[in-house]
């Protein structure tokens, strides 16, 4: 897992790094509501210097999908 992405997800959702796995979904994170979704979007845009469109934002419902969107945006996700 990419350290920058883990850092963003732990900061936004208050999770431990060990909890951040590709299989983790929005439904498994109690604090992942609509406000946290926007916090996630802004944090990803700032951290990775990207701009997310509505179609991208809708896809951000699991760690695996977040990885996929970042790669589509040209982000290099080395561990």
C-alpha atoms as a PDB file:
ATOM      1  CA  UNK A   1       0.000   0.000   0.000  1.00  0.00           C
ATOM      2  CA  UNK A   2       1.105   3.520  -0.794  1.00  0.00           C
ATOM      3  CA  UNK A   3       2.259   5.386   2.328  1.00  0.00           C
ATOM      4  CA  UNK A   4       0.768   8.709   1.195  1.00  0.00           C
ATOM      5  CA  UNK A   5      -2.632   7.107   0.627  1.00  0.00           C
ATOM      6  CA  UNK A   6      -2.510   5.319   3.980  1.00  0.00           C
ATOM      7  CA  UNK A   7      -1.681   8.639   5.638  1.00  0.00           C
ATOM      8  CA  UNK A   8      -4.648  10.378   3.983  1.00  0.00           C
ATOM      9  CA  UNK A   9      -7.061   7.591   4.927  1.00  0.00           C
ATOM     10  CA  UNK A  10      -5.881   7.389   8.544  1.00  0.00           C
ATOM     11  CA  UNK A  11      -6.173  11.172   8.893  1.00  0.00           C
ATOM     12  CA  UNK A  12      -9.614  11.445   7.290  1.00  0.00           C
ATOM     13  CA  UNK A  13     -11.269   8.427   8.917  1.00  0.00           C
ATOM     14  CA  UNK A  14      -9.328   8.109  12.177  1.00  0.00           C
ATOM     15  CA  UNK A  15      -8.245   4.560  11.384  1.00  0.00           C
ATOM     16  CA  UNK A  16      -4.998   2.773  12.187  1.00  0.00           C
ATOM     17  CA  UNK A  17      -2.635   2.107   9.274  1.00  0.00           C
ATOM     18  CA  UNK A  18      -3.067  -1.637   9.834  1.00  0.00           C
ATOM     19  CA  UNK A  19      -6.792  -1.256   9.078  1.00  0.00           C
ATOM     20  CA  UNK A  20      -6.168   0.187   5.613  1.00  0.00           C
ATOM     21  CA  UNK A  21      -6.401  -2.742   3.205  1.00  0.00           C
ATOM     22  CA  UNK A  22      -7.643  -2.823  -0.416  1.00  0.00           C
ATOM     23  CA  UNK A  23     -10.754  -4.747   0.637  1.00  0.00           C
ATOM     24  CA  UNK A  24     -11.887  -2.004   3.051  1.00  0.00           C
ATOM     25  CA  UNK A  25     -15.163  -0.447   1.902  1.00  0.00           C
ATOM     26  CA  UNK A  26     -17.221   2.579   2.838  1.00  0.00           C
ATOM     27  CA  UNK A  27     -19.799   0.330   4.550  1.00  0.00           C
ATOM     28  CA  UNK A  28     -17.138  -1.010   6.945  1.00  0.00           C
ATOM     29  CA  UNK A  29     -16.093   2.441   8.192  1.00  0.00           C
ATOM     30  CA  UNK A  30     -18.613   3.981  10.567  1.00  0.00           C
ATOM     31  CA  UNK A  31     -17.216   7.495  10.164  1.00  0.00           C
ATOM     32  CA  UNK A  32     -17.355   7.400   6.327  1.00  0.00           C
ATOM     33  CA  UNK A  33     -20.362   9.629   5.736  1.00  0.00           C
ATOM     34  CA  UNK A  34     -21.018  12.332   3.132  1.00  0.00           C
ATOM     35  CA  UNK A  35     -18.975  14.948   4.989  1.00  0.00           C
ATOM     36  CA  UNK A  36     -16.024  12.586   5.338  1.00  0.00           C
ATOM     37  CA  UNK A  37     -16.384  11.753   1.639  1.00  0.00           C
ATOM     38  CA  UNK A  38     -15.812  15.432   0.781  1.00  0.00           C
ATOM     39  CA  UNK A  39     -12.930  15.575   3.273  1.00  0.00           C
ATOM     40  CA  UNK A  40     -11.471  12.534   1.491  1.00  0.00           C
ATOM     41  CA  UNK A  41     -11.849  14.203  -1.916  1.00  0.00           C
ATOM     42  CA  UNK A  42     -10.157  17.413  -0.793  1.00  0.00           C
ATOM     43  CA  UNK A  43      -7.376  15.507   0.971  1.00  0.00           C
ATOM     44  CA  UNK A  44      -6.679  13.324  -2.078  1.00  0.00           C
ATOM     45  CA  UNK A  45      -6.666  16.337  -4.388  1.00  0.00           C
ATOM     46  CA  UNK A  46      -4.244  18.201  -2.124  1.00  0.00           C
ATOM     47  CA  UNK A  47      -1.954  15.254  -1.375  1.00  0.00           C
ATOM     48  CA  UNK A  48      -1.655  13.993  -4.951  1.00  0.00           C
ATOM     49  CA  UNK A  49      -2.090  17.338  -6.784  1.00  0.00           C
ATOM     50  CA  UNK A  50      -5.045  16.101  -8.838  1.00  0.00           C
ATOM     51  CA  UNK A  51      -8.558  17.273  -9.617  1.00  0.00           C
ATOM     52  CA  UNK A  52     -11.395  14.810  -9.135  1.00  0.00           C
ATOM     53  CA  UNK A  53     -14.574  14.944 -11.210  1.00  0.00           C
ATOM     54  CA  UNK A  54     -18.015  13.861  -9.985  1.00  0.00           C
ATOM     55  CA  UNK A  55     -17.639  10.533 -11.826  1.00  0.00           C
ATOM     56  CA  UNK A  56     -14.384   9.930  -9.923  1.00  0.00           C
ATOM     57  CA  UNK A  57     -15.878  10.930  -6.573  1.00  0.00           C
ATOM     58  CA  UNK A  58     -18.756   8.455  -6.965  1.00  0.00           C
ATOM     59  CA  UNK A  59     -16.202   5.641  -7.394  1.00  0.00           C
ATOM     60  CA  UNK A  60     -14.452   6.432  -4.095  1.00  0.00           C
ATOM     61  CA  UNK A  61     -16.250   3.783  -2.039  1.00  0.00           C
ATOM     62  CA  UNK A  62     -13.399   1.392  -1.218  1.00  0.00           C
ATOM     63  CA  UNK A  63      -9.643   1.493  -0.838  1.00  0.00           C
ATOM     64  CA  UNK A  64      -9.265  -0.585  -4.022  1.00  0.00           C
ATOM     65  CA  UNK A  65     -11.416   1.876  -5.984  1.00  0.00           C
ATOM     66  CA  UNK A  66      -9.533   4.858  -4.563  1.00  0.00           C
ATOM     67  CA  UNK A  67      -6.307   3.233  -5.801  1.00  0.00           C
ATOM     68  CA  UNK A  68      -7.897   2.711  -9.224  1.00  0.00           C
ATOM     69  CA  UNK A  69      -9.062   6.335  -9.523  1.00  0.00           C
ATOM     70  CA  UNK A  70      -5.643   7.648  -8.491  1.00  0.00           C
ATOM     71  CA  UNK A  71      -3.921   5.469 -11.088  1.00  0.00           C
ATOM     72  CA  UNK A  72      -6.415   6.688 -13.734  1.00  0.00           C
ATOM     73  CA  UNK A  73      -5.412  10.240 -12.772  1.00  0.00           C
ATOM     74  CA  UNK A  74      -1.759   9.399 -13.441  1.00  0.00           C
ATOM     75  CA  UNK A  75      -0.666   9.056  -9.810  1.00  0.00           C
ATOM     76  CA  UNK A  76       2.254   6.660  -9.335  1.00  0.00           C
ATOM     77  CA  UNK A  77       1.364   4.513  -6.317  1.00  0.00           C
ATOM     78  CA  UNK A  78       4.627   2.913  -5.302  1.00  0.00           C
ATOM     79  CA  UNK A  79       4.579   1.360  -1.862  1.00  0.00           C
END
